[in-house]
Amino acid sequence: MKPIIEIVKKLGLDSTDILTYGPYKAKIPIEILKKHPSRGKLILVSAITPTPAGEGKTTITIGLGQALAKLGESVCLALREPSLGPCLGIKGGATGGGMSQVLPAEDINLHFNGDFHAVTSAHNLLAAMLDNKIYHKGLSNIDPRRTLWRRVLDLNDRALRNVIVGLGGVMQGVPRETGFDITAASEVMAILCLAESHEDLRKRLDKILVAFTFDGEPITAKSLNASGAMLALLKDALMPNLVQTTEGVPALLHGGPFANIAHGCNSVLATKMGLALSDWTITEAGFGFDLGAEKFFDIKCQSAGLDTAAVVLVATCRALKMHGGVELKQLNKSNPNAISKGLLNLDRHVENIQRFSETPIVCLNYFEGDYSEEIEIIRSHCVNKLKVPFAVCKGFTEGGEGGIELAETLINKSEKTSQPFSPLYNWNEDVETKILKVAQKMYGASEIKYEKKAIRDLESIKKLGYQSLPVCIAKTPISLSDDPKRWGRPENFPVTVREILIAAGAGFLIPLTGEIMRMPGLPKTPQAENFDIKEGKIIGIR
């Protein structure tokens, strides 16, 4: 790794513009944006529906950035920070792989610069202040049965999904049911990623809806006088973090909402900072295009006035074979027929991108052992049938050099006129219409089925005046449908909405579909079992 001061200079800044966190990490104060106008092109990297075989979207994002740098371009990455939950759970680290990583990987994958801890503390402070108001009855008439604000923890712990607090007698609080979500699902995390200034952050925190009174009146963070303390806890967390890739390309890592249970994008501040300090800003949205990228356009871009110059859609031979019906253990065998069947999933995502008036570049993330005949089937399908650009990227094994074909394809594509994206829906449409449009256009669904709780939530949303907020649908990431067992390209299925959460501070509604959980659990053998320290160094992160 190069000293972070050298990386800063690549962005046209110097040591006085940053706050260093040791020799290889730094934070950039948001005031920098006042001195540097936006000048860059924004590139979004998304993917087909994820499979256990892995797609490597982050690796491709980093490899593409390194390839552009090799071509002499000014480039900056804008990525999310990893959550401890997946790192210690089933998914492992989230810093790329091989010759295309962001460094220092161990620091980034674990505590990094403390942003997740700050979000957790701010969120749980609000929960503590809410319970305190309930305990001191003379201060409020909050109905303990109608509290909305749960607590969060940046670990996967299914045992905490549903808990009872306040046990132990009259001095210990008022007993009530509540639970824990993972920190990435916190509305405070979403607010941090959408806020564009300290003033904007405060306004959003003020609006957080936490409970109702016995008279049905809403209780917010502002009415609990909690916003100021939360803002203080988040003061440093609001600043984007600067690190580097394996080839010394600047990378801004900031925020970490999951795309299956939140909006799945890095912070607006980091994205705009990248656009102000480089000619190319490469960002990604979580999971498949139907989740993170849809929310990227309909929520993040709409909210912050952003637009893309191009969209890169990542696929692999391995994932396409799984969508074509091949089991994980059989992926190393050549199977052109399964590739052809799996292309239906790719087709859906390409169509989804085009619904936003964007033309995608399909990128095949090359794995050692991929068969040339399978690659040619995919290339021919994209170029001849779909009429979209195609490139192979070998960023994992070759770093920036392995991404040259993708980078040149991107430059060629983005030189052409890029028209503004078209959102899927108008925010002023009714909530049911917005949900249906996303489900029909992105997933291929035929209808929405609302459970009783969701119907009551719709009535409450209209009564409280939140119907003009966009929708951030929580859905399984491993299927286009809300059923994780339906791979490939399912068509004409119902989507079940069981409840709708109000994230008034973040500025969106969260319809929960299927059996999606906002607190993941650990697998039978979690990644945490592989962690250790040898000779003073952390090992076992994958």
Protein backbone atom coordinates (compact mmCIF):
# COMPACT_ATOMS: atom_id res chain seq x y z
CA MET A 1 0.00 0.00 0.00
CA LYS A 2 1.01 3.57 -0.66
CA PRO A 3 0.74 6.18 2.11
CA ILE A 4 -2.74 7.71 2.04
CA ILE A 5 -1.16 11.12 1.36
CA GLU A 6 -0.10 9.86 -2.09
CA ILE A 7 -3.63 8.65 -2.83
CA VAL A 8 -5.07 12.02 -1.79
CA LYS A 9 -2.87 13.79 -4.34
CA LYS A 10 -4.43 11.75 -7.15
CA LEU A 11 -7.71 13.49 -6.30
CA GLY A 12 -6.13 16.93 -6.48
CA LEU A 13 -6.08 17.37 -2.69
CA ASP A 14 -3.28 17.60 -0.13
CA SER A 15 -2.67 16.58 3.48
CA THR A 16 -4.49 19.62 4.86
CA ASP A 17 -7.73 18.49 3.19
CA ILE A 18 -8.07 15.19 5.07
CA LEU A 19 -8.22 13.66 8.53
CA THR A 20 -5.89 10.65 8.65
CA TYR A 21 -6.73 7.42 10.46
CA GLY A 22 -3.25 5.94 10.50
CA PRO A 23 -0.99 5.71 7.43
CA TYR A 24 -3.48 4.09 5.01
CA LYS A 25 -6.94 5.47 5.84
CA ALA A 26 -8.48 8.93 5.95
CA LYS A 27 -11.73 10.84 6.08
CA ILE A 28 -12.49 13.75 3.77
CA PRO A 29 -14.53 16.62 5.27
CA ILE A 30 -17.69 17.33 3.31
CA GLU A 31 -16.73 21.00 2.98
CA ILE A 32 -14.47 19.87 0.11
CA LEU A 33 -17.58 19.76 -2.09
CA LYS A 34 -17.96 23.53 -1.79
CA LYS A 35 -14.56 24.02 -3.43
CA HIS A 36 -14.86 21.48 -6.24
CA PRO A 37 -17.79 21.41 -8.69
CA SER A 38 -18.98 18.12 -10.17
CA ARG A 39 -17.13 17.20 -13.35
CA GLY A 40 -17.11 13.41 -13.68
CA LYS A 41 -19.18 10.68 -15.30
CA LEU A 42 -21.04 8.28 -13.01
CA ILE A 43 -20.89 4.56 -13.84
CA LEU A 44 -23.15 2.08 -12.05
CA VAL A 45 -22.14 -1.58 -11.71
CA SER A 46 -24.95 -4.06 -11.07
CA ALA A 47 -25.43 -7.80 -11.60
CA ILE A 48 -27.78 -10.60 -12.53
CA THR A 49 -29.62 -12.44 -9.74
CA PRO A 50 -27.00 -13.67 -7.22
CA THR A 51 -26.26 -17.37 -6.72
CA PRO A 52 -24.06 -19.33 -4.29
CA ALA A 53 -21.51 -19.49 -7.13
CA GLY A 54 -20.79 -15.77 -6.69
CA GLU A 55 -20.84 -12.94 -9.25
CA GLY A 56 -17.94 -10.76 -8.07
CA LYS A 57 -19.64 -7.40 -8.61
CA THR A 58 -17.27 -5.58 -6.25
CA THR A 59 -14.22 -7.22 -7.84
CA ILE A 60 -15.41 -6.05 -11.27
CA THR A 61 -16.05 -2.52 -9.97
CA ILE A 62 -12.51 -2.31 -8.61
CA GLY A 63 -10.98 -3.97 -11.67
CA LEU A 64 -12.78 -1.53 -13.96
CA GLY A 65 -11.50 1.44 -11.96
CA GLN A 66 -7.96 0.11 -12.13
CA ALA A 67 -8.27 -0.49 -15.88
CA LEU A 68 -9.41 3.09 -16.48
CA ALA A 69 -6.43 4.31 -14.44
CA LYS A 70 -4.10 2.20 -16.60
CA LEU A 71 -5.53 3.94 -19.65
CA GLY A 72 -4.54 7.26 -18.10
CA GLU A 73 -8.00 8.26 -16.93
CA SER A 74 -8.77 10.13 -13.70
CA VAL A 75 -10.92 7.74 -11.66
CA CYS A 76 -12.34 7.30 -8.16
CA LEU A 77 -14.39 4.43 -6.77
CA ALA A 78 -17.45 5.01 -4.55
CA LEU A 79 -18.34 1.85 -2.64
CA ARG A 80 -20.19 0.71 0.48
CA GLU A 81 -18.52 -0.33 3.72
CA PRO A 82 -18.85 -4.02 4.67
CA SER A 83 -21.04 -5.05 7.59
CA LEU A 84 -19.62 -7.29 10.31
CA GLY A 85 -22.69 -9.53 10.06
CA PRO A 86 -21.95 -11.06 6.63
CA CYS A 87 -18.17 -10.93 7.20
CA LEU A 88 -18.56 -13.19 10.22
CA GLY A 89 -21.51 -15.08 8.78
CA ILE A 90 -22.04 -16.82 5.44
CA LYS A 91 -20.93 -14.24 2.87
CA GLY A 92 -17.45 -13.32 4.07
CA GLY A 93 -15.62 -10.07 3.34
CA ALA A 94 -16.69 -7.43 0.84
CA THR A 95 -13.49 -5.79 -0.36
CA GLY A 96 -13.19 -7.44 -3.77
CA GLY A 97 -10.80 -10.28 -4.51
CA GLY A 98 -7.48 -11.33 -5.98
CA MET A 99 -5.72 -8.47 -7.78
CA SER A 100 -8.77 -6.21 -7.51
CA GLN A 101 -9.29 -5.33 -3.86
CA VAL A 102 -9.63 -2.27 -1.67
CA LEU A 103 -7.02 -2.05 1.07
CA PRO A 104 -6.38 -2.44 3.99
CA ALA A 105 -8.89 -5.29 3.60
CA GLU A 106 -8.80 -6.55 7.20
CA ASP A 107 -9.46 -3.08 8.63
CA ILE A 108 -12.24 -2.36 6.13
CA ASN A 109 -13.98 -5.70 6.71
CA LEU A 110 -13.90 -5.37 10.49
CA HIS A 111 -14.25 -2.08 12.40
CA PHE A 112 -12.81 0.26 9.72
CA ASN A 113 -13.16 3.90 10.83
CA GLY A 114 -16.07 3.32 13.21
CA ASP A 115 -18.99 4.46 11.04
CA PHE A 116 -21.08 1.34 11.73
CA HIS A 117 -20.51 1.75 15.46
CA ALA A 118 -21.61 5.39 15.27
CA VAL A 119 -24.80 4.43 13.43
CA THR A 120 -25.49 1.65 15.94
CA SER A 121 -24.97 4.03 18.87
CA ALA A 122 -27.13 6.81 17.41
CA HIS A 123 -29.92 4.35 16.60
CA ASN A 124 -29.88 2.71 20.04
CA LEU A 125 -29.67 6.06 21.82
CA LEU A 126 -33.00 6.94 20.22
CA ALA A 127 -34.42 3.59 21.39
CA ALA A 128 -33.18 4.26 24.96
CA MET A 129 -34.67 7.75 24.97
CA LEU A 130 -38.00 6.37 23.73
CA ASP A 131 -38.14 3.78 26.52
CA ASN A 132 -37.14 6.45 29.03
CA LYS A 133 -40.09 8.62 27.99
CA ILE A 134 -42.42 5.64 28.33
CA TYR A 135 -41.01 4.88 31.81
CA HIS A 136 -41.48 8.45 33.05
CA LYS A 137 -45.21 8.55 32.41
CA GLY A 138 -45.57 12.18 33.34
CA LEU A 139 -43.43 13.18 30.36
CA SER A 140 -45.58 11.63 27.64
CA ASN A 141 -48.57 9.47 26.84
CA ILE A 142 -46.71 7.14 24.47
CA ASP A 143 -48.53 3.87 23.91
CA PRO A 144 -46.03 1.01 24.61
CA ARG A 145 -48.07 -1.21 22.30
CA ARG A 146 -47.52 1.13 19.36
CA THR A 147 -43.76 1.63 19.40
CA LEU A 148 -42.07 1.27 16.01
CA TRP A 149 -38.37 1.82 16.78
CA ARG A 150 -36.41 -1.39 17.33
CA ARG A 151 -32.75 -1.68 18.30
CA VAL A 152 -29.88 -2.65 16.00
CA LEU A 153 -26.65 -4.65 16.16
CA ASP A 154 -24.00 -5.13 13.47
CA LEU A 155 -23.97 -8.91 13.83
CA ASN A 156 -26.16 -11.75 12.58
CA ASP A 157 -28.14 -12.92 15.63
CA ARG A 158 -31.49 -14.57 14.98
CA ALA A 159 -32.11 -14.96 18.74
CA LEU A 160 -32.58 -11.18 18.98
CA ARG A 161 -35.17 -10.83 16.23
CA ASN A 162 -37.96 -10.74 18.80
CA VAL A 163 -37.35 -9.82 22.45
CA ILE A 164 -39.14 -8.43 25.50
CA VAL A 165 -37.57 -5.45 27.26
CA GLY A 166 -38.32 -3.82 30.60
CA LEU A 167 -38.52 -7.00 32.70
CA GLY A 168 -37.37 -7.07 36.31
CA GLY A 169 -39.88 -4.92 38.17
CA VAL A 170 -41.13 -1.35 38.25
CA MET A 171 -37.64 0.17 38.46
CA GLN A 172 -36.44 -1.52 35.26
CA GLY A 173 -38.80 0.01 32.73
CA VAL A 174 -42.11 -0.81 31.07
CA PRO A 175 -42.28 -4.37 29.66
CA ARG A 176 -43.01 -4.46 25.94
CA GLU A 177 -42.26 -6.50 22.84
CA THR A 178 -39.57 -5.29 20.47
CA GLY A 179 -36.53 -6.74 18.70
CA PHE A 180 -33.26 -6.15 16.89
CA ASP A 181 -32.45 -5.51 13.23
CA ILE A 182 -28.97 -5.55 11.75
CA THR A 183 -27.30 -2.12 11.65
CA ALA A 184 -27.30 -2.09 7.83
CA ALA A 185 -31.13 -2.08 8.01
CA SER A 186 -31.22 0.89 10.38
CA GLU A 187 -33.04 3.95 9.13
CA VAL A 188 -30.14 5.94 10.56
CA MET A 189 -27.84 4.14 8.10
CA ALA A 190 -30.17 5.04 5.22
CA ILE A 191 -30.30 8.64 6.44
CA LEU A 192 -26.50 8.83 6.65
CA CYS A 193 -26.27 7.61 3.06
CA LEU A 194 -28.85 10.05 1.69
CA ALA A 195 -27.97 13.18 3.69
CA GLU A 196 -25.98 15.85 1.85
CA SER A 197 -24.98 18.12 4.76
CA HIS A 198 -25.12 18.37 8.53
CA GLU A 199 -28.29 20.45 8.16
CA ASP A 200 -29.89 17.84 5.91
CA LEU A 201 -28.83 15.10 8.35
CA ARG A 202 -30.53 16.92 11.24
CA LYS A 203 -33.76 17.46 9.28
CA ARG A 204 -33.89 13.78 8.38
CA LEU A 205 -33.18 12.66 11.94
CA ASP A 206 -35.93 14.97 13.21
CA LYS A 207 -38.47 13.19 11.00
CA ILE A 208 -37.81 9.64 12.23
CA LEU A 209 -41.14 8.14 13.31
CA VAL A 210 -40.67 6.02 16.46
CA ALA A 211 -44.08 5.52 18.11
CA PHE A 212 -47.66 6.72 18.58
CA THR A 213 -49.49 8.14 21.59
CA PHE A 214 -52.65 6.61 23.05
CA ASP A 215 -54.48 9.25 20.98
CA GLY A 216 -52.81 8.06 17.77
CA GLU A 217 -50.50 11.06 17.43
CA PRO A 218 -47.03 10.35 15.92
CA ILE A 219 -43.90 10.54 18.06
CA THR A 220 -40.68 11.52 16.27
CA ALA A 221 -37.02 11.80 17.19
CA LYS A 222 -37.50 15.57 17.30
CA SER A 223 -40.33 15.32 19.81
CA LEU A 224 -38.04 13.20 22.02
CA ASN A 225 -35.29 15.86 21.77
CA ALA A 226 -32.95 13.13 20.49
CA SER A 227 -31.79 14.61 17.18
CA GLY A 228 -28.99 16.78 18.56
CA ALA A 229 -27.28 13.94 20.42
CA MET A 230 -27.69 11.62 17.43
CA LEU A 231 -26.18 14.28 15.18
CA ALA A 232 -23.20 14.59 17.54
CA LEU A 233 -22.62 10.82 17.45
CA LEU A 234 -22.75 10.87 13.63
CA LYS A 235 -20.55 13.95 13.15
CA ASP A 236 -17.43 12.10 11.96
CA ALA A 237 -19.40 9.25 10.38
CA LEU A 238 -20.88 11.71 7.88
CA MET A 239 -17.43 12.21 6.31
CA PRO A 240 -16.57 9.74 3.49
CA ASN A 241 -13.62 7.38 4.04
CA LEU A 242 -10.69 7.29 1.62
CA VAL A 243 -8.64 4.14 0.98
CA GLN A 244 -6.93 2.63 -2.08
CA THR A 245 -7.13 -0.36 -4.40
CA THR A 246 -4.37 -2.92 -4.96
CA GLU A 247 -3.08 -0.66 -7.74
CA GLY A 248 -3.35 2.61 -5.82
CA VAL A 249 -6.63 3.89 -7.28
CA PRO A 250 -8.52 6.17 -4.84
CA ALA A 251 -11.62 4.55 -3.33
CA LEU A 252 -14.27 6.28 -1.21
CA LEU A 253 -16.01 3.76 1.07
CA HIS A 254 -18.99 5.17 2.91
CA GLY A 255 -22.21 3.72 4.28
CA GLY A 256 -23.45 0.16 4.10
CA PRO A 257 -27.20 -0.43 3.68
CA PHE A 258 -28.20 -3.86 2.31
CA ALA A 259 -30.17 -3.84 -0.95
CA ASN A 260 -32.55 -6.62 0.11
CA ILE A 261 -33.74 -4.79 3.24
CA ALA A 262 -32.73 -1.17 2.54
CA HIS A 263 -31.72 0.91 -0.50
CA GLY A 264 -28.34 -0.81 -0.98
CA CYS A 265 -26.20 2.12 -2.16
CA ASN A 266 -23.17 3.97 -0.82
CA SER A 267 -23.58 7.54 0.41
CA VAL A 268 -24.66 10.44 -1.77
CA LEU A 269 -21.79 12.47 -0.29
CA ALA A 270 -19.15 9.92 -1.36
CA THR A 271 -20.67 9.64 -4.83
CA LYS A 272 -20.76 13.42 -5.31
CA MET A 273 -17.26 13.73 -3.88
CA GLY A 274 -16.00 11.21 -6.44
CA LEU A 275 -17.71 13.14 -9.22
CA ALA A 276 -16.11 16.38 -8.00
CA LEU A 277 -12.57 14.98 -7.68
CA SER A 278 -12.27 12.71 -10.75
CA ASP A 279 -13.42 12.29 -14.34
CA TRP A 280 -14.88 8.82 -13.73
CA THR A 281 -16.73 7.67 -10.60
CA ILE A 282 -17.48 3.95 -10.46
CA THR A 283 -20.12 2.86 -7.96
CA GLU A 284 -22.17 -0.27 -7.36
CA ALA A 285 -25.61 -1.16 -6.04
CA GLY A 286 -26.20 -4.26 -3.94
CA PHE A 287 -27.41 -7.67 -5.19
CA GLY A 288 -29.14 -7.91 -8.59
CA PHE A 289 -30.44 -5.01 -10.68
CA ASP A 290 -33.99 -5.72 -9.48
CA LEU A 291 -33.00 -4.71 -5.94
CA GLY A 292 -30.08 -2.31 -5.43
CA ALA A 293 -30.01 -0.72 -8.88
CA GLU A 294 -33.77 -0.11 -9.01
CA LYS A 295 -33.47 1.71 -5.67
CA PHE A 296 -30.33 3.48 -6.89
CA PHE A 297 -32.35 5.11 -9.67
CA ASP A 298 -35.79 5.49 -8.05
CA ILE A 299 -34.55 6.63 -4.64
CA LYS A 300 -30.90 7.76 -4.63
CA CYS A 301 -30.74 9.41 -8.06
CA GLN A 302 -34.18 10.96 -7.70
CA SER A 303 -33.35 12.31 -4.25
CA ALA A 304 -29.85 13.62 -5.03
CA GLY A 305 -30.21 14.67 -8.68
CA LEU A 306 -27.74 12.08 -9.98
CA ASP A 307 -27.63 10.32 -13.36
CA THR A 308 -25.42 7.68 -14.94
CA ALA A 309 -23.34 7.74 -18.10
CA ALA A 310 -23.46 3.94 -18.34
CA VAL A 311 -24.56 0.80 -16.50
CA VAL A 312 -22.39 -2.33 -16.32
CA LEU A 313 -24.24 -5.62 -15.72
CA VAL A 314 -22.05 -8.39 -14.28
CA ALA A 315 -22.64 -12.07 -15.04
CA THR A 316 -20.62 -15.28 -14.78
CA CYS A 317 -20.72 -18.60 -16.58
CA ARG A 318 -21.13 -20.29 -13.20
CA ALA A 319 -24.16 -18.23 -12.18
CA LEU A 320 -25.82 -18.61 -15.57
CA LYS A 321 -25.42 -22.38 -15.36
CA MET A 322 -27.08 -22.37 -11.94
CA HIS A 323 -29.98 -20.35 -13.35
CA GLY A 324 -30.08 -22.97 -16.08
CA GLY A 325 -30.64 -25.74 -13.54
CA VAL A 326 -27.10 -26.96 -12.75
CA GLU A 327 -26.23 -27.79 -9.14
CA LEU A 328 -23.33 -26.05 -7.43
CA LYS A 329 -21.16 -29.20 -7.40
CA GLN A 330 -21.50 -29.60 -11.19
CA LEU A 331 -20.47 -26.09 -12.24
CA ASN A 332 -16.94 -27.06 -13.29
CA LYS A 333 -18.31 -29.18 -16.15
CA SER A 334 -19.00 -27.67 -19.56
CA ASN A 335 -22.74 -27.25 -20.12
CA PRO A 336 -23.65 -24.96 -23.03
CA ASN A 337 -27.30 -26.00 -22.81
CA ALA A 338 -27.54 -24.77 -19.19
CA ILE A 339 -25.85 -21.50 -20.21
CA SER A 340 -28.52 -20.96 -22.85
CA LYS A 341 -31.30 -21.61 -20.34
CA GLY A 342 -29.70 -19.34 -17.75
CA LEU A 343 -29.52 -16.46 -20.21
CA LEU A 344 -33.22 -15.88 -19.54
CA ASN A 345 -32.22 -14.35 -16.20
CA LEU A 346 -29.66 -12.13 -17.93
CA ASP A 347 -32.32 -11.08 -20.44
CA ARG A 348 -34.66 -9.91 -17.67
CA HIS A 349 -31.97 -7.72 -16.11
CA VAL A 350 -31.00 -6.21 -19.46
CA GLU A 351 -34.67 -5.40 -20.10
CA ASN A 352 -34.90 -3.91 -16.60
CA ILE A 353 -31.97 -1.59 -17.29
CA GLN A 354 -33.53 -0.52 -20.57
CA ARG A 355 -36.76 0.37 -18.71
CA PHE A 356 -34.75 3.20 -17.16
CA SER A 357 -33.73 4.38 -20.67
CA GLU A 358 -30.20 3.06 -20.08
CA THR A 359 -28.19 0.77 -22.38
CA PRO A 360 -26.18 -1.75 -20.37
CA ILE A 361 -22.72 -3.15 -20.99
CA VAL A 362 -22.74 -6.83 -20.11
CA CYS A 363 -19.53 -7.85 -18.37
CA LEU A 364 -18.55 -11.48 -17.96
CA ASN A 365 -16.50 -11.91 -14.79
CA TYR A 366 -13.98 -14.53 -15.85
CA PHE A 367 -13.29 -17.46 -13.51
CA GLU A 368 -10.33 -19.81 -13.96
CA GLY A 369 -11.65 -22.88 -15.77
CA ASP A 370 -14.39 -21.09 -17.74
CA TYR A 371 -14.97 -22.74 -21.11
CA SER A 372 -14.41 -20.68 -24.24
CA GLU A 373 -17.46 -22.15 -25.97
CA GLU A 374 -19.68 -21.04 -23.09
CA ILE A 375 -18.21 -17.52 -23.17
CA GLU A 376 -18.86 -17.31 -26.91
CA ILE A 377 -22.50 -18.33 -26.41
CA ILE A 378 -22.93 -15.43 -23.97
CA ARG A 379 -21.04 -12.98 -26.20
CA SER A 380 -23.07 -13.91 -29.28
CA HIS A 381 -26.33 -13.68 -27.33
CA CYS A 382 -25.52 -10.17 -26.07
CA VAL A 383 -24.13 -8.75 -29.30
CA ASN A 384 -26.42 -10.41 -31.85
CA LYS A 385 -29.70 -10.91 -29.98
CA LEU A 386 -29.77 -8.30 -27.24
CA LYS A 387 -27.75 -5.75 -29.26
CA VAL A 388 -25.79 -4.60 -26.21
CA PRO A 389 -22.00 -4.22 -25.73
CA PHE A 390 -20.16 -7.17 -24.18
CA ALA A 391 -16.75 -7.52 -22.54
CA VAL A 392 -14.83 -10.11 -20.54
CA CYS A 393 -13.07 -8.92 -17.37
CA LYS A 394 -10.22 -10.81 -15.68
CA GLY A 395 -9.80 -8.36 -12.83
CA PHE A 396 -9.42 -11.06 -10.18
CA THR A 397 -6.32 -12.64 -11.70
CA GLU A 398 -4.89 -9.73 -13.69
CA GLY A 399 -6.04 -6.57 -11.90
CA GLY A 400 -6.43 -3.48 -14.07
CA GLU A 401 -4.79 -5.14 -17.06
CA GLY A 402 -7.54 -7.75 -17.03
CA GLY A 403 -10.21 -5.06 -17.22
CA ILE A 404 -8.89 -3.18 -20.27
CA GLU A 405 -11.47 -4.68 -22.65
CA LEU A 406 -14.28 -3.59 -20.31
CA ALA A 407 -12.78 -0.12 -19.78
CA GLU A 408 -12.37 0.50 -23.53
CA THR A 409 -15.93 -0.72 -24.15
CA LEU A 410 -17.16 1.65 -21.46
CA ILE A 411 -15.28 4.65 -22.84
CA ASN A 412 -16.60 3.95 -26.33
CA LYS A 413 -20.15 3.59 -25.08
CA SER A 414 -20.10 6.66 -22.83
CA GLU A 415 -18.71 8.86 -25.64
CA LYS A 416 -22.11 8.55 -27.26
CA THR A 417 -24.92 10.76 -26.01
CA SER A 418 -26.35 9.41 -22.76
CA GLN A 419 -29.97 10.38 -22.25
CA PRO A 420 -31.34 11.03 -18.76
CA PHE A 421 -32.74 7.98 -17.00
CA SER A 422 -36.48 7.49 -16.72
CA PRO A 423 -37.78 6.45 -13.27
CA LEU A 424 -40.16 3.52 -12.99
CA TYR A 425 -42.82 5.56 -11.24
CA ASN A 426 -43.78 9.03 -10.08
CA TRP A 427 -43.40 9.57 -6.34
CA ASN A 428 -46.83 11.23 -6.26
CA GLU A 429 -48.60 8.07 -7.42
CA ASP A 430 -50.44 6.10 -4.74
CA VAL A 431 -48.43 3.54 -2.78
CA GLU A 432 -50.16 0.50 -4.26
CA THR A 433 -49.38 1.68 -7.80
CA LYS A 434 -45.70 2.24 -7.00
CA ILE A 435 -45.33 -1.21 -5.47
CA LEU A 436 -47.14 -2.85 -8.39
CA LYS A 437 -45.03 -1.05 -11.00
CA VAL A 438 -41.77 -2.19 -9.39
CA ALA A 439 -43.02 -5.77 -8.99
CA GLN A 440 -44.33 -5.99 -12.55
CA LYS A 441 -41.51 -4.19 -14.36
CA MET A 442 -38.53 -5.42 -12.31
CA TYR A 443 -39.58 -8.85 -11.06
CA GLY A 444 -42.09 -10.02 -13.67
CA ALA A 445 -44.92 -10.32 -11.12
CA SER A 446 -48.60 -10.36 -12.07
CA GLU A 447 -50.18 -8.98 -8.89
CA ILE A 448 -49.63 -7.85 -5.29
CA LYS A 449 -51.29 -9.64 -2.40
CA TYR A 450 -51.55 -7.62 0.81
CA GLU A 451 -51.82 -9.32 4.19
CA LYS A 452 -54.04 -7.73 6.86
CA LYS A 453 -51.15 -5.91 8.56
CA ALA A 454 -50.07 -4.37 5.23
CA ILE A 455 -53.62 -3.18 4.53
CA ARG A 456 -53.72 -1.45 7.93
CA ASP A 457 -50.29 0.06 7.19
CA LEU A 458 -51.56 1.49 3.89
CA GLU A 459 -54.41 3.18 5.73
CA SER A 460 -52.00 4.60 8.31
CA ILE A 461 -49.63 5.86 5.59
CA LYS A 462 -52.45 7.76 3.91
CA LYS A 463 -53.72 9.17 7.20
CA LEU A 464 -50.25 10.41 8.19
CA GLY A 465 -49.53 11.90 4.77
CA TYR A 466 -46.62 9.69 3.72
CA GLN A 467 -48.16 8.38 0.49
CA SER A 468 -45.87 10.49 -1.73
CA LEU A 469 -42.69 8.75 -0.51
CA PRO A 470 -40.91 6.29 -2.86
CA VAL A 471 -40.95 2.57 -2.06
CA CYS A 472 -37.90 0.59 -0.97
CA ILE A 473 -39.11 -2.98 -1.35
CA ALA A 474 -37.49 -5.59 0.92
CA LYS A 475 -37.26 -8.87 -1.00
CA THR A 476 -35.12 -11.98 -1.21
CA PRO A 477 -32.02 -11.27 -3.34
CA ILE A 478 -31.67 -14.79 -4.75
CA SER A 479 -34.79 -14.76 -6.92
CA LEU A 480 -36.57 -12.24 -9.12
CA SER A 481 -39.69 -13.28 -7.19
CA ASP A 482 -40.31 -13.12 -3.44
CA ASP A 483 -39.72 -16.90 -3.25
CA PRO A 484 -36.00 -17.76 -2.88
CA LYS A 485 -36.57 -21.17 -4.46
CA ARG A 486 -37.60 -19.74 -7.84
CA TRP A 487 -34.45 -19.24 -9.90
CA GLY A 488 -34.00 -18.30 -13.55
CA ARG A 489 -36.74 -16.05 -14.90
CA PRO A 490 -40.08 -16.68 -13.21
CA GLU A 491 -43.10 -14.99 -14.79
CA ASN A 492 -46.65 -14.03 -13.75
CA PHE A 493 -46.41 -14.77 -10.04
CA PRO A 494 -47.95 -12.92 -7.09
CA VAL A 495 -45.82 -10.94 -4.64
CA THR A 496 -47.02 -10.95 -1.05
CA VAL A 497 -46.58 -7.79 1.05
CA ARG A 498 -46.95 -8.60 4.74
CA GLU A 499 -46.34 -5.12 6.19
CA ILE A 500 -45.07 -1.67 5.21
CA LEU A 501 -42.63 0.24 7.40
CA ILE A 502 -42.43 4.04 7.38
CA ALA A 503 -38.88 5.45 7.15
CA ALA A 504 -39.89 9.10 7.23
CA GLY A 505 -36.38 10.41 7.94
CA ALA A 506 -34.79 8.42 5.13
CA GLY A 507 -37.69 9.45 2.94
CA PHE A 508 -39.11 6.13 1.79
CA LEU A 509 -41.55 3.33 2.63
CA ILE A 510 -40.37 -0.25 3.14
CA PRO A 511 -42.82 -2.95 1.98
CA LEU A 512 -41.70 -6.30 3.44
CA THR A 513 -42.36 -9.14 1.01
CA GLY A 514 -42.34 -12.90 1.39
CA GLU A 515 -40.37 -14.10 4.41
CA ILE A 516 -37.58 -11.49 4.25
CA MET A 517 -35.89 -10.80 7.62
CA ARG A 518 -34.19 -7.56 8.70
CA MET A 519 -31.91 -9.48 11.08
CA PRO A 520 -30.00 -12.30 9.34
CA GLY A 521 -29.01 -15.50 11.11
CA LEU A 522 -25.70 -17.36 11.12
CA PRO A 523 -25.20 -20.46 8.95
CA LYS A 524 -24.32 -23.88 10.36
CA THR A 525 -20.61 -23.07 9.96
CA PRO A 526 -20.12 -19.29 10.09
CA GLN A 527 -17.05 -17.58 8.68
CA ALA A 528 -16.24 -16.47 12.23
CA GLU A 529 -14.95 -19.98 12.92
CA ASN A 530 -12.10 -19.35 10.46
CA PHE A 531 -10.88 -16.10 12.06
CA ASP A 532 -7.72 -15.97 14.15
CA ILE A 533 -4.59 -13.93 14.78
CA LYS A 534 -1.14 -15.28 13.92
CA GLU A 535 2.05 -13.31 14.45
CA GLY A 536 -0.05 -10.23 15.14
CA LYS A 537 -2.02 -10.43 11.87
CA ILE A 538 -5.70 -11.24 11.36
CA ILE A 539 -6.25 -14.34 9.22
CA GLY A 540 -9.30 -16.16 7.94
CA ILE A 541 -11.23 -13.32 6.30
CA ARG A 542 -12.62 -14.49 2.96
